[in-house]
Amino acid sequence: MGKTSFFAATLIAKLLRKVCTTLTYQPEFSQLNDVAQIGQEVLRQLFAEFKQARSELFLSQDETMSTLLLAVTDHQQKTVWIVGIGDGIVVINDEVKILDQNTSPITWAIISIKF
């Protein structure tokens, strides 16, 4: 756990809201065909924003450690794309998936399923 993980989680939430809002107005959004492409683009932009914020605020690694569980769903196609970065638990169709990375800062899992 980082020094102020609540700060990192709040910062990530604010940046994620910004990315999701602005992404829908970008011309390339209409070219994203499935949940995996949308999820990957959200992550790419989120990490770019996070890197910039971390640099501008002179934040150390300990001050920016947090867990991110992100899902992008398509209700029409009945598919979901999930990424877990850090430690966490995801339940899919009553099956528990535990992501235990022992607080290693650069570990993640990506799951795509049809429901």
PDB file of N, CA and C in Angstrom:
ATOM      1  N   MET A   1       0.839  -1.171   0.000  1.00  0.00           N
ATOM      2  CA  MET A   1       0.000   0.000   0.000  1.00  0.00           C
ATOM      3  C   MET A   1       0.886   1.236   0.000  1.00  0.00           C
ATOM      4  N   GLY A   2       0.471   2.218  -0.754  1.00  0.00           N
ATOM      5  CA  GLY A   2       1.224   3.460  -0.826  1.00  0.00           C
ATOM      6  C   GLY A   2       1.009   4.336   0.390  1.00  0.00           C
ATOM      7  N   LYS A   3       1.748   5.424   0.434  1.00  0.00           N
ATOM      8  CA  LYS A   3       1.646   6.362   1.561  1.00  0.00           C
ATOM      9  C   LYS A   3       0.251   6.948   1.680  1.00  0.00           C
ATOM     10  N   THR A   4      -0.281   7.430   0.592  1.00  0.00           N
ATOM     11  CA  THR A   4      -1.607   8.056   0.586  1.00  0.00           C
ATOM     12  C   THR A   4      -2.421   7.455  -0.551  1.00  0.00           C
ATOM     13  N   SER A   5      -2.777   6.184  -0.412  1.00  0.00           N
ATOM     14  CA  SER A   5      -3.454   5.499  -1.509  1.00  0.00           C
ATOM     15  C   SER A   5      -4.827   6.101  -1.799  1.00  0.00           C
ATOM     16  N   PHE A   6      -5.472   6.718  -0.793  1.00  0.00           N
ATOM     17  CA  PHE A   6      -6.762   7.360  -1.054  1.00  0.00           C
ATOM     18  C   PHE A   6      -6.602   8.513  -2.042  1.00  0.00           C
ATOM     19  N   PHE A   7      -5.482   9.224  -1.953  1.00  0.00           N
ATOM     20  CA  PHE A   7      -5.218  10.319  -2.898  1.00  0.00           C
ATOM     21  C   PHE A   7      -5.033   9.762  -4.302  1.00  0.00           C
ATOM     22  N   ALA A   8      -4.239   8.704  -4.427  1.00  0.00           N
ATOM     23  CA  ALA A   8      -3.985   8.108  -5.743  1.00  0.00           C
ATOM     24  C   ALA A   8      -5.282   7.583  -6.354  1.00  0.00           C
ATOM     25  N   ALA A   9      -6.106   6.928  -5.550  1.00  0.00           N
ATOM     26  CA  ALA A   9      -7.368   6.386  -6.052  1.00  0.00           C
ATOM     27  C   ALA A   9      -8.296   7.513  -6.512  1.00  0.00           C
ATOM     28  N   THR A  10      -8.348   8.602  -5.762  1.00  0.00           N
ATOM     29  CA  THR A  10      -9.188   9.736  -6.137  1.00  0.00           C
ATOM     30  C   THR A  10      -8.673  10.400  -7.407  1.00  0.00           C
ATOM     31  N   LEU A  11      -7.363  10.556  -7.504  1.00  0.00           N
ATOM     32  CA  LEU A  11      -6.764  11.137  -8.708  1.00  0.00           C
ATOM     33  C   LEU A  11      -7.081  10.277  -9.925  1.00  0.00           C
ATOM     34  N   ILE A  12      -6.935   8.977  -9.806  1.00  0.00           N
ATOM     35  CA  ILE A  12      -7.222   8.067 -10.916  1.00  0.00           C
ATOM     36  C   ILE A  12      -8.694   8.146 -11.303  1.00  0.00           C
ATOM     37  N   ALA A  13      -9.583   8.217 -10.323  1.00  0.00           N
ATOM     38  CA  ALA A  13     -11.016   8.320 -10.615  1.00  0.00           C
ATOM     39  C   ALA A  13     -11.337   9.601 -11.382  1.00  0.00           C
ATOM     40  N   LYS A  14     -10.736  10.713 -10.968  1.00  0.00           N
ATOM     41  CA  LYS A  14     -10.969  11.989 -11.669  1.00  0.00           C
ATOM     42  C   LYS A  14     -10.414  11.936 -13.097  1.00  0.00           C
ATOM     43  N   LEU A  15      -9.219  11.361 -13.257  1.00  0.00           N
ATOM     44  CA  LEU A  15      -8.626  11.256 -14.589  1.00  0.00           C
ATOM     45  C   LEU A  15      -9.430  10.300 -15.474  1.00  0.00           C
ATOM     46  N   LEU A  16      -9.935   9.232 -14.894  1.00  0.00           N
ATOM     47  CA  LEU A  16     -10.738   8.275 -15.652  1.00  0.00           C
ATOM     48  C   LEU A  16     -12.026   8.927 -16.143  1.00  0.00           C
ATOM     49  N   ARG A  17     -12.647   9.736 -15.301  1.00  0.00           N
ATOM     50  CA  ARG A  17     -13.856  10.447 -15.731  1.00  0.00           C
ATOM     51  C   ARG A  17     -13.537  11.401 -16.878  1.00  0.00           C
ATOM     52  N   LYS A  18     -12.401  12.090 -16.776  1.00  0.00           N
ATOM     53  CA  LYS A  18     -11.984  13.006 -17.847  1.00  0.00           C
ATOM     54  C   LYS A  18     -11.752  12.250 -19.151  1.00  0.00           C
ATOM     55  N   VAL A  19     -11.030  11.140 -19.078  1.00  0.00           N
ATOM     56  CA  VAL A  19     -10.724  10.347 -20.274  1.00  0.00           C
ATOM     57  C   VAL A  19     -12.003   9.816 -20.915  1.00  0.00           C
ATOM     58  N   CYS A  20     -12.901   9.260 -20.117  1.00  0.00           N
ATOM     59  CA  CYS A  20     -14.133   8.691 -20.674  1.00  0.00           C
ATOM     60  C   CYS A  20     -15.017   9.760 -21.303  1.00  0.00           C
ATOM     61  N   THR A  21     -15.048  10.929 -20.687  1.00  0.00           N
ATOM     62  CA  THR A  21     -15.861  12.017 -21.232  1.00  0.00           C
ATOM     63  C   THR A  21     -15.275  12.549 -22.533  1.00  0.00           C
ATOM     64  N   THR A  22     -13.978  12.804 -22.546  1.00  0.00           N
ATOM     65  CA  THR A  22     -13.361  13.386 -23.738  1.00  0.00           C
ATOM     66  C   THR A  22     -13.207  12.375 -24.872  1.00  0.00           C
ATOM     67  N   LEU A  23     -13.063  11.105 -24.546  1.00  0.00           N
ATOM     68  CA  LEU A  23     -12.877  10.076 -25.578  1.00  0.00           C
ATOM     69  C   LEU A  23     -14.065  10.018 -26.531  1.00  0.00           C
ATOM     70  N   THR A  24     -15.263  10.177 -26.009  1.00  0.00           N
ATOM     71  CA  THR A  24     -16.453  10.073 -26.867  1.00  0.00           C
ATOM     72  C   THR A  24     -16.539  11.206 -27.880  1.00  0.00           C
ATOM     73  N   TYR A  25     -15.826  12.315 -27.643  1.00  0.00           N
ATOM     74  CA  TYR A  25     -15.836  13.438 -28.571  1.00  0.00           C
ATOM     75  C   TYR A  25     -14.694  13.380 -29.585  1.00  0.00           C
ATOM     76  N   GLN A  26     -13.792  12.431 -29.438  1.00  0.00           N
ATOM     77  CA  GLN A  26     -12.654  12.331 -30.345  1.00  0.00           C
ATOM     78  C   GLN A  26     -13.053  11.566 -31.612  1.00  0.00           C
ATOM     79  N   PRO A  27     -12.543  12.003 -32.776  1.00  0.00           N
ATOM     80  CA  PRO A  27     -12.935  11.361 -34.047  1.00  0.00           C
ATOM     81  C   PRO A  27     -12.622   9.859 -34.093  1.00  0.00           C
ATOM     82  N   GLU A  28     -11.530   9.442 -33.460  1.00  0.00           N
ATOM     83  CA  GLU A  28     -11.156   8.021 -33.530  1.00  0.00           C
ATOM     84  C   GLU A  28     -12.078   7.124 -32.706  1.00  0.00           C
ATOM     85  N   PHE A  29     -12.923   7.713 -31.850  1.00  0.00           N
ATOM     86  CA  PHE A  29     -13.836   6.896 -31.034  1.00  0.00           C
ATOM     87  C   PHE A  29     -14.785   6.087 -31.912  1.00  0.00           C
ATOM     88  N   SER A  30     -15.258   6.661 -33.004  1.00  0.00           N
ATOM     89  CA  SER A  30     -16.192   5.956 -33.883  1.00  0.00           C
ATOM     90  C   SER A  30     -15.528   4.773 -34.586  1.00  0.00           C
ATOM     91  N   GLN A  31     -14.202   4.727 -34.601  1.00  0.00           N
ATOM     92  CA  GLN A  31     -13.480   3.627 -35.246  1.00  0.00           C
ATOM     93  C   GLN A  31     -13.214   2.460 -34.295  1.00  0.00           C
ATOM     94  N   LEU A  32     -13.510   2.640 -33.012  1.00  0.00           N
ATOM     95  CA  LEU A  32     -13.317   1.569 -32.038  1.00  0.00           C
ATOM     96  C   LEU A  32     -14.516   0.630 -32.116  1.00  0.00           C
ATOM     97  N   ASN A  33     -14.259  -0.632 -32.469  1.00  0.00           N
ATOM     98  CA  ASN A  33     -15.345  -1.560 -32.791  1.00  0.00           C
ATOM     99  C   ASN A  33     -15.800  -2.464 -31.653  1.00  0.00           C
ATOM    100  N   ASP A  34     -14.963  -2.720 -30.691  1.00  0.00           N
ATOM    101  CA  ASP A  34     -15.374  -3.641 -29.629  1.00  0.00           C
ATOM    102  C   ASP A  34     -14.854  -3.180 -28.269  1.00  0.00           C
ATOM    103  N   VAL A  35     -15.291  -3.898 -27.233  1.00  0.00           N
ATOM    104  CA  VAL A  35     -14.956  -3.489 -25.874  1.00  0.00           C
ATOM    105  C   VAL A  35     -13.456  -3.541 -25.607  1.00  0.00           C
ATOM    106  N   ALA A  36     -12.756  -4.462 -26.231  1.00  0.00           N
ATOM    107  CA  ALA A  36     -11.303  -4.559 -26.021  1.00  0.00           C
ATOM    108  C   ALA A  36     -10.595  -3.325 -26.576  1.00  0.00           C
ATOM    109  N   GLN A  37     -10.985  -2.887 -27.764  1.00  0.00           N
ATOM    110  CA  GLN A  37     -10.368  -1.689 -28.343  1.00  0.00           C
ATOM    111  C   GLN A  37     -10.688  -0.453 -27.515  1.00  0.00           C
ATOM    112  N   ILE A  38     -11.924  -0.332 -27.050  1.00  0.00           N
ATOM    113  CA  ILE A  38     -12.298   0.807 -26.216  1.00  0.00           C
ATOM    114  C   ILE A  38     -11.533   0.765 -24.903  1.00  0.00           C
ATOM    115  N   GLY A  39     -11.465  -0.405 -24.280  1.00  0.00           N
ATOM    116  CA  GLY A  39     -10.743  -0.549 -23.019  1.00  0.00           C
ATOM    117  C   GLY A  39      -9.272  -0.204 -23.152  1.00  0.00           C
ATOM    118  N   GLN A  40      -8.645  -0.671 -24.215  1.00  0.00           N
ATOM    119  CA  GLN A  40      -7.232  -0.385 -24.432  1.00  0.00           C
ATOM    120  C   GLN A  40      -6.997   1.102 -24.663  1.00  0.00           C
ATOM    121  N   GLU A  41      -7.905   1.755 -25.374  1.00  0.00           N
ATOM    122  CA  GLU A  41      -7.761   3.194 -25.616  1.00  0.00           C
ATOM    123  C   GLU A  41      -7.986   3.987 -24.331  1.00  0.00           C
ATOM    124  N   VAL A  42      -8.946   3.573 -23.533  1.00  0.00           N
ATOM    125  CA  VAL A  42      -9.163   4.223 -22.231  1.00  0.00           C
ATOM    126  C   VAL A  42      -7.914   4.094 -21.375  1.00  0.00           C
ATOM    127  N   LEU A  43      -7.347   2.897 -21.305  1.00  0.00           N
ATOM    128  CA  LEU A  43      -6.125   2.687 -20.514  1.00  0.00           C
ATOM    129  C   LEU A  43      -4.967   3.520 -21.039  1.00  0.00           C
ATOM    130  N   ARG A  44      -4.793   3.558 -22.355  1.00  0.00           N
ATOM    131  CA  ARG A  44      -3.704   4.333 -22.940  1.00  0.00           C
ATOM    132  C   ARG A  44      -3.818   5.800 -22.544  1.00  0.00           C
ATOM    133  N   GLN A  45      -5.007   6.354 -22.707  1.00  0.00           N
ATOM    134  CA  GLN A  45      -5.191   7.761 -22.376  1.00  0.00           C
ATOM    135  C   GLN A  45      -5.118   8.000 -20.868  1.00  0.00           C
ATOM    136  N   LEU A  46      -5.638   7.063 -20.084  1.00  0.00           N
ATOM    137  CA  LEU A  46      -5.574   7.203 -18.629  1.00  0.00           C
ATOM    138  C   LEU A  46      -4.132   7.233 -18.143  1.00  0.00           C
ATOM    139  N   PHE A  47      -3.302   6.331 -18.656  1.00  0.00           N
ATOM    140  CA  PHE A  47      -1.902   6.303 -18.221  1.00  0.00           C
ATOM    141  C   PHE A  47      -1.137   7.533 -18.699  1.00  0.00           C
ATOM    142  N   ALA A  48      -1.480   8.055 -19.865  1.00  0.00           N
ATOM    143  CA  ALA A  48      -0.839   9.288 -20.334  1.00  0.00           C
ATOM    144  C   ALA A  48      -1.204  10.451 -19.405  1.00  0.00           C
ATOM    145  N   GLU A  49      -2.473  10.553 -19.047  1.00  0.00           N
ATOM    146  CA  GLU A  49      -2.919  11.609 -18.128  1.00  0.00           C
ATOM    147  C   GLU A  49      -2.302  11.433 -16.745  1.00  0.00           C
ATOM    148  N   PHE A  50      -2.235  10.189 -16.283  1.00  0.00           N
ATOM    149  CA  PHE A  50      -1.682   9.897 -14.964  1.00  0.00           C
ATOM    150  C   PHE A  50      -0.191  10.242 -14.909  1.00  0.00           C
ATOM    151  N   LYS A  51       0.520   9.890 -15.967  1.00  0.00           N
ATOM    152  CA  LYS A  51       1.952  10.194 -16.040  1.00  0.00           C
ATOM    153  C   LYS A  51       2.171  11.703 -15.999  1.00  0.00           C
ATOM    154  N   GLN A  52       1.358  12.448 -16.749  1.00  0.00           N
ATOM    155  CA  GLN A  52       1.482  13.901 -16.766  1.00  0.00           C
ATOM    156  C   GLN A  52       1.155  14.496 -15.393  1.00  0.00           C
ATOM    157  N   ALA A  53       0.082  14.035 -14.760  1.00  0.00           N
ATOM    158  CA  ALA A  53      -0.296  14.549 -13.436  1.00  0.00           C
ATOM    159  C   ALA A  53       0.781  14.231 -12.405  1.00  0.00           C
ATOM    160  N   ARG A  54       1.316  13.020 -12.480  1.00  0.00           N
ATOM    161  CA  ARG A  54       2.368  12.620 -11.532  1.00  0.00           C
ATOM    162  C   ARG A  54       3.592  13.513 -11.674  1.00  0.00           C
ATOM    163  N   SER A  55       3.943  13.837 -12.911  1.00  0.00           N
ATOM    164  CA  SER A  55       5.090  14.695 -13.173  1.00  0.00           C
ATOM    165  C   SER A  55       4.831  16.128 -12.700  1.00  0.00           C
ATOM    166  N   GLU A  56       3.662  16.653 -13.039  1.00  0.00           N
ATOM    167  CA  GLU A  56       3.345  18.037 -12.675  1.00  0.00           C
ATOM    168  C   GLU A  56       3.237  18.236 -11.164  1.00  0.00           C
ATOM    169  N   LEU A  57       2.805  17.204 -10.454  1.00  0.00           N
ATOM    170  CA  LEU A  57       2.623  17.311  -9.003  1.00  0.00           C
ATOM    171  C   LEU A  57       3.826  16.792  -8.213  1.00  0.00           C
ATOM    172  N   PHE A  58       4.875  16.371  -8.913  1.00  0.00           N
ATOM    173  CA  PHE A  58       6.094  15.839  -8.278  1.00  0.00           C
ATOM    174  C   PHE A  58       5.774  14.713  -7.294  1.00  0.00           C
ATOM    175  N   LEU A  59       4.967  13.747  -7.741  1.00  0.00           N
ATOM    176  CA  LEU A  59       4.552  12.644  -6.888  1.00  0.00           C
ATOM    177  C   LEU A  59       5.524  11.472  -7.013  1.00  0.00           C
ATOM    178  N   SER A  60       5.817  10.854  -5.900  1.00  0.00           N
ATOM    179  CA  SER A  60       6.684   9.671  -5.903  1.00  0.00           C
ATOM    180  C   SER A  60       5.845   8.428  -6.193  1.00  0.00           C
ATOM    181  N   GLN A  61       6.510   7.310  -6.415  1.00  0.00           N
ATOM    182  CA  GLN A  61       5.810   6.057  -6.685  1.00  0.00           C
ATOM    183  C   GLN A  61       4.937   5.671  -5.495  1.00  0.00           C
ATOM    184  N   ASP A  62       5.453   5.831  -4.274  1.00  0.00           N
ATOM    185  CA  ASP A  62       4.674   5.489  -3.078  1.00  0.00           C
ATOM    186  C   ASP A  62       3.402   6.317  -2.957  1.00  0.00           C
ATOM    187  N   GLU A  63       3.422   7.528  -3.483  1.00  0.00           N
ATOM    188  CA  GLU A  63       2.247   8.390  -3.395  1.00  0.00           C
ATOM    189  C   GLU A  63       1.212   8.102  -4.481  1.00  0.00           C
ATOM    190  N   THR A  64       1.564   7.256  -5.436  1.00  0.00           N
ATOM    191  CA  THR A  64       0.644   6.988  -6.544  1.00  0.00           C
ATOM    192  C   THR A  64       0.288   5.516  -6.684  1.00  0.00           C
ATOM    193  N   MET A  65       0.568   4.705  -5.683  1.00  0.00           N
ATOM    194  CA  MET A  65       0.202   3.295  -5.745  1.00  0.00           C
ATOM    195  C   MET A  65      -1.280   3.132  -5.446  1.00  0.00           C
ATOM    196  N   SER A  66      -1.958   2.363  -6.286  1.00  0.00           N
ATOM    197  CA  SER A  66      -3.380   2.128  -6.122  1.00  0.00           C
ATOM    198  C   SER A  66      -3.767   0.896  -6.935  1.00  0.00           C
ATOM    199  N   THR A  67      -4.957   0.388  -6.686  1.00  0.00           N
ATOM    200  CA  THR A  67      -5.494  -0.726  -7.444  1.00  0.00           C
ATOM    201  C   THR A  67      -6.544  -0.194  -8.408  1.00  0.00           C
ATOM    202  N   LEU A  68      -6.532  -0.720  -9.628  1.00  0.00           N
ATOM    203  CA  LEU A  68      -7.531  -0.324 -10.620  1.00  0.00           C
ATOM    204  C   LEU A  68      -8.192  -1.571 -11.181  1.00  0.00           C
ATOM    205  N   LEU A  69      -9.497  -1.644 -11.045  1.00  0.00           N
ATOM    206  CA  LEU A  69     -10.304  -2.667 -11.701  1.00  0.00           C
ATOM    207  C   LEU A  69     -11.241  -1.917 -12.636  1.00  0.00           C
ATOM    208  N   LEU A  70     -11.101  -2.152 -13.928  1.00  0.00           N
ATOM    209  CA  LEU A  70     -11.858  -1.413 -14.933  1.00  0.00           C
ATOM    210  C   LEU A  70     -12.564  -2.401 -15.850  1.00  0.00           C
ATOM    211  N   ALA A  71     -13.850  -2.154 -16.078  1.00  0.00           N
ATOM    212  CA  ALA A  71     -14.620  -3.004 -16.990  1.00  0.00           C
ATOM    213  C   ALA A  71     -15.288  -2.139 -18.042  1.00  0.00           C
ATOM    214  N   VAL A  72     -15.247  -2.609 -19.285  1.00  0.00           N
ATOM    215  CA  VAL A  72     -15.966  -1.980 -20.387  1.00  0.00           C
ATOM    216  C   VAL A  72     -16.963  -3.021 -20.883  1.00  0.00           C
ATOM    217  N   THR A  73     -18.240  -2.668 -20.890  1.00  0.00           N
ATOM    218  CA  THR A  73     -19.267  -3.636 -21.273  1.00  0.00           C
ATOM    219  C   THR A  73     -20.007  -3.195 -22.529  1.00  0.00           C
ATOM    220  N   ASP A  74     -20.449  -4.182 -23.289  1.00  0.00           N
ATOM    221  CA  ASP A  74     -21.306  -3.969 -24.449  1.00  0.00           C
ATOM    222  C   ASP A  74     -22.550  -4.819 -24.216  1.00  0.00           C
ATOM    223  N   HIS A  75     -23.632  -4.173 -23.828  1.00  0.00           N
ATOM    224  CA  HIS A  75     -24.852  -4.907 -23.485  1.00  0.00           C
ATOM    225  C   HIS A  75     -25.511  -5.526 -24.710  1.00  0.00           C
ATOM    226  N   GLN A  76     -25.348  -4.930 -25.880  1.00  0.00           N
ATOM    227  CA  GLN A  76     -25.944  -5.500 -27.094  1.00  0.00           C
ATOM    228  C   GLN A  76     -25.229  -6.779 -27.511  1.00  0.00           C
ATOM    229  N   GLN A  77     -23.890  -6.746 -27.484  1.00  0.00           N
ATOM    230  CA  GLN A  77     -23.106  -7.928 -27.866  1.00  0.00           C
ATOM    231  C   GLN A  77     -22.925  -8.903 -26.698  1.00  0.00           C
ATOM    232  N   LYS A  78     -23.287  -8.447 -25.490  1.00  0.00           N
ATOM    233  CA  LYS A  78     -23.136  -9.237 -24.260  1.00  0.00           C
ATOM    234  C   LYS A  78     -21.684  -9.665 -24.046  1.00  0.00           C
ATOM    235  N   THR A  79     -20.784  -8.686 -24.142  1.00  0.00           N
ATOM    236  CA  THR A  79     -19.363  -8.931 -23.890  1.00  0.00           C
ATOM    237  C   THR A  79     -18.859  -7.919 -22.872  1.00  0.00           C
ATOM    238  N   VAL A  80     -17.797  -8.303 -22.208  1.00  0.00           N
ATOM    239  CA  VAL A  80     -17.166  -7.403 -21.240  1.00  0.00           C
ATOM    240  C   VAL A  80     -15.660  -7.583 -21.325  1.00  0.00           C
ATOM    241  N   TRP A  81     -14.951  -6.489 -21.147  1.00  0.00           N
ATOM    242  CA  TRP A  81     -13.490  -6.480 -21.113  1.00  0.00           C
ATOM    243  C   TRP A  81     -13.114  -5.942 -19.746  1.00  0.00           C
ATOM    244  N   ILE A  82     -12.295  -6.693 -19.018  1.00  0.00           N
ATOM    245  CA  ILE A  82     -11.920  -6.316 -17.651  1.00  0.00           C
ATOM    246  C   ILE A  82     -10.411  -6.269 -17.551  1.00  0.00           C
ATOM    247  N   VAL A  83      -9.898  -5.236 -16.904  1.00  0.00           N
ATOM    248  CA  VAL A  83      -8.473  -5.175 -16.598  1.00  0.00           C
ATOM    249  C   VAL A  83      -8.339  -4.962 -15.097  1.00  0.00           C
ATOM    250  N   GLY A  84      -7.424  -5.690 -14.515  1.00  0.00           N
ATOM    251  CA  GLY A  84      -7.108  -5.529 -13.098  1.00  0.00           C
ATOM    252  C   GLY A  84      -5.642  -5.191 -12.962  1.00  0.00           C
ATOM    253  N   ILE A  85      -5.367  -4.065 -12.346  1.00  0.00           N
ATOM    254  CA  ILE A  85      -3.987  -3.633 -12.131  1.00  0.00           C
ATOM    255  C   ILE A  85      -3.795  -3.506 -10.630  1.00  0.00           C
ATOM    256  N   GLY A  86      -2.867  -4.270 -10.092  1.00  0.00           N
ATOM    257  CA  GLY A  86      -2.685  -4.304  -8.649  1.00  0.00           C
ATOM    258  C   GLY A  86      -3.436  -5.487  -8.075  1.00  0.00           C
ATOM    259  N   ASP A  87      -3.802  -5.390  -6.811  1.00  0.00           N
ATOM    260  CA  ASP A  87      -4.518  -6.473  -6.135  1.00  0.00           C
ATOM    261  C   ASP A  87      -6.016  -6.214  -6.176  1.00  0.00           C
ATOM    262  N   GLY A  88      -6.783  -7.297  -6.252  1.00  0.00           N
ATOM    263  CA  GLY A  88      -8.229  -7.151  -6.233  1.00  0.00           C
ATOM    264  C   GLY A  88      -8.922  -8.464  -6.497  1.00  0.00           C
ATOM    265  N   ILE A  89     -10.244  -8.421  -6.467  1.00  0.00           N
ATOM    266  CA  ILE A  89     -11.069  -9.608  -6.699  1.00  0.00           C
ATOM    267  C   ILE A  89     -12.119  -9.266  -7.740  1.00  0.00           C
ATOM    268  N   VAL A  90     -12.272 -10.159  -8.719  1.00  0.00           N
ATOM    269  CA  VAL A  90     -13.312 -10.030  -9.735  1.00  0.00           C
ATOM    270  C   VAL A  90     -14.137 -11.303  -9.689  1.00  0.00           C
ATOM    271  N   VAL A  91     -15.452 -11.171  -9.681  1.00  0.00           N
ATOM    272  CA  VAL A  91     -16.342 -12.328  -9.713  1.00  0.00           C
ATOM    273  C   VAL A  91     -17.027 -12.354 -11.073  1.00  0.00           C
ATOM    274  N   ILE A  92     -16.839 -13.463 -11.799  1.00  0.00           N
ATOM    275  CA  ILE A  92     -17.425 -13.627 -13.130  1.00  0.00           C
ATOM    276  C   ILE A  92     -18.271 -14.888 -13.119  1.00  0.00           C
ATOM    277  N   ASN A  93     -19.574 -14.724 -13.338  1.00  0.00           N
ATOM    278  CA  ASN A  93     -20.498 -15.865 -13.326  1.00  0.00           C
ATOM    279  C   ASN A  93     -20.308 -16.720 -12.083  1.00  0.00           C
ATOM    280  N   ASP A  94     -20.287 -16.089 -10.938  1.00  0.00           N
ATOM    281  CA  ASP A  94     -20.116 -16.730  -9.624  1.00  0.00           C
ATOM    282  C   ASP A  94     -18.756 -17.389  -9.430  1.00  0.00           C
ATOM    283  N   GLU A  95     -17.817 -17.155 -10.337  1.00  0.00           N
ATOM    284  CA  GLU A  95     -16.457 -17.675 -10.186  1.00  0.00           C
ATOM    285  C   GLU A  95     -15.549 -16.535  -9.730  1.00  0.00           C
ATOM    286  N   VAL A  96     -14.867 -16.751  -8.615  1.00  0.00           N
ATOM    287  CA  VAL A  96     -14.022 -15.717  -8.026  1.00  0.00           C
ATOM    288  C   VAL A  96     -12.627 -15.772  -8.655  1.00  0.00           C
ATOM    289  N   LYS A  97     -12.179 -14.627  -9.161  1.00  0.00           N
ATOM    290  CA  LYS A  97     -10.816 -14.487  -9.691  1.00  0.00           C
ATOM    291  C   LYS A  97     -10.080 -13.539  -8.746  1.00  0.00           C
ATOM    292  N   ILE A  98      -9.023 -14.029  -8.125  1.00  0.00           N
ATOM    293  CA  ILE A  98      -8.246 -13.215  -7.196  1.00  0.00           C
ATOM    294  C   ILE A  98      -6.974 -12.756  -7.894  1.00  0.00           C
ATOM    295  N   LEU A  99      -6.776 -11.440  -7.901  1.00  0.00           N
ATOM    296  CA  LEU A  99      -5.569 -10.859  -8.469  1.00  0.00           C
ATOM    297  C   LEU A  99      -4.687 -10.433  -7.303  1.00  0.00           C
ATOM    298  N   ASP A 100      -3.720 -11.244  -6.965  1.00  0.00           N
ATOM    299  CA  ASP A 100      -2.822 -10.937  -5.860  1.00  0.00           C
ATOM    300  C   ASP A 100      -1.421 -10.776  -6.420  1.00  0.00           C
ATOM    301  N   GLN A 101      -0.977  -9.536  -6.528  1.00  0.00           N
ATOM    302  CA  GLN A 101       0.310  -9.237  -7.135  1.00  0.00           C
ATOM    303  C   GLN A 101       1.383  -8.930  -6.094  1.00  0.00           C
ATOM    304  N   ASN A 102       1.076  -9.142  -4.822  1.00  0.00           N
ATOM    305  CA  ASN A 102       2.021  -8.848  -3.732  1.00  0.00           C
ATOM    306  C   ASN A 102       2.530  -7.416  -3.807  1.00  0.00           C
ATOM    307  N   THR A 103       1.628  -6.495  -4.109  1.00  0.00           N
ATOM    308  CA  THR A 103       1.887  -5.052  -4.214  1.00  0.00           C
ATOM    309  C   THR A 103       2.992  -4.693  -5.205  1.00  0.00           C
ATOM    310  N   SER A 104       3.246  -5.554  -6.166  1.00  0.00           N
ATOM    311  CA  SER A 104       4.196  -5.219  -7.219  1.00  0.00           C
ATOM    312  C   SER A 104       3.579  -4.130  -8.090  1.00  0.00           C
ATOM    313  N   PRO A 105       4.296  -3.060  -8.379  1.00  0.00           N
ATOM    314  CA  PRO A 105       3.674  -1.911  -9.032  1.00  0.00           C
ATOM    315  C   PRO A 105       3.295  -2.091 -10.497  1.00  0.00           C
ATOM    316  N   ILE A 106       3.901  -3.020 -11.215  1.00  0.00           N
ATOM    317  CA  ILE A 106       3.606  -3.137 -12.643  1.00  0.00           C
ATOM    318  C   ILE A 106       3.146  -4.560 -12.949  1.00  0.00           C
ATOM    319  N   THR A 107       1.963  -4.927 -12.517  1.00  0.00           N
ATOM    320  CA  THR A 107       1.397  -6.226 -12.851  1.00  0.00           C
ATOM    321  C   THR A 107      -0.080  -6.043 -13.146  1.00  0.00           C
ATOM    322  N   TRP A 108      -0.574  -6.790 -14.126  1.00  0.00           N
ATOM    323  CA  TRP A 108      -1.974  -6.668 -14.476  1.00  0.00           C
ATOM    324  C   TRP A 108      -2.481  -7.888 -15.202  1.00  0.00           C
ATOM    325  N   ALA A 109      -3.793  -8.016 -15.240  1.00  0.00           N
ATOM    326  CA  ALA A 109      -4.447  -9.124 -15.942  1.00  0.00           C
ATOM    327  C   ALA A 109      -5.581  -8.554 -16.763  1.00  0.00           C
ATOM    328  N   ILE A 110      -5.752  -9.093 -17.959  1.00  0.00           N
ATOM    329  CA  ILE A 110      -6.859  -8.665 -18.828  1.00  0.00           C
ATOM    330  C   ILE A 110      -7.713  -9.889 -19.123  1.00  0.00           C
ATOM    331  N   ILE A 111      -9.020  -9.713 -18.952  1.00  0.00           N
ATOM    332  CA  ILE A 111      -9.974 -10.796 -19.174  1.00  0.00           C
ATOM    333  C   ILE A 111     -11.033 -10.296 -20.135  1.00  0.00           C
ATOM    334  N   SER A 112     -11.329 -11.062 -21.179  1.00  0.00           N
ATOM    335  CA  SER A 112     -12.457 -10.758 -22.064  1.00  0.00           C
ATOM    336  C   SER A 112     -13.418 -11.942 -22.005  1.00  0.00           C
ATOM    337  N   ILE A 113     -14.689 -11.670 -21.742  1.00  0.00           N
ATOM    338  CA  ILE A 113     -15.659 -12.756 -21.664  1.00  0.00           C
ATOM    339  C   ILE A 113     -16.945 -12.355 -22.354  1.00  0.00           C
ATOM    340  N   LYS A 114     -17.744 -13.351 -22.668  1.00  0.00           N
ATOM    341  CA  LYS A 114     -19.085 -13.150 -23.213  1.00  0.00           C
ATOM    342  C   LYS A 114     -20.057 -13.605 -22.135  1.00  0.00           C
ATOM    343  N   PHE A 115     -21.081 -12.792 -21.856  1.00  0.00           N
ATOM    344  CA  PHE A 115     -22.043 -13.175 -20.808  1.00  0.00           C
ATOM    345  C   PHE A 115     -23.418 -13.391 -21.389  1.00  0.00           C
TER     346      PHE A 115
END
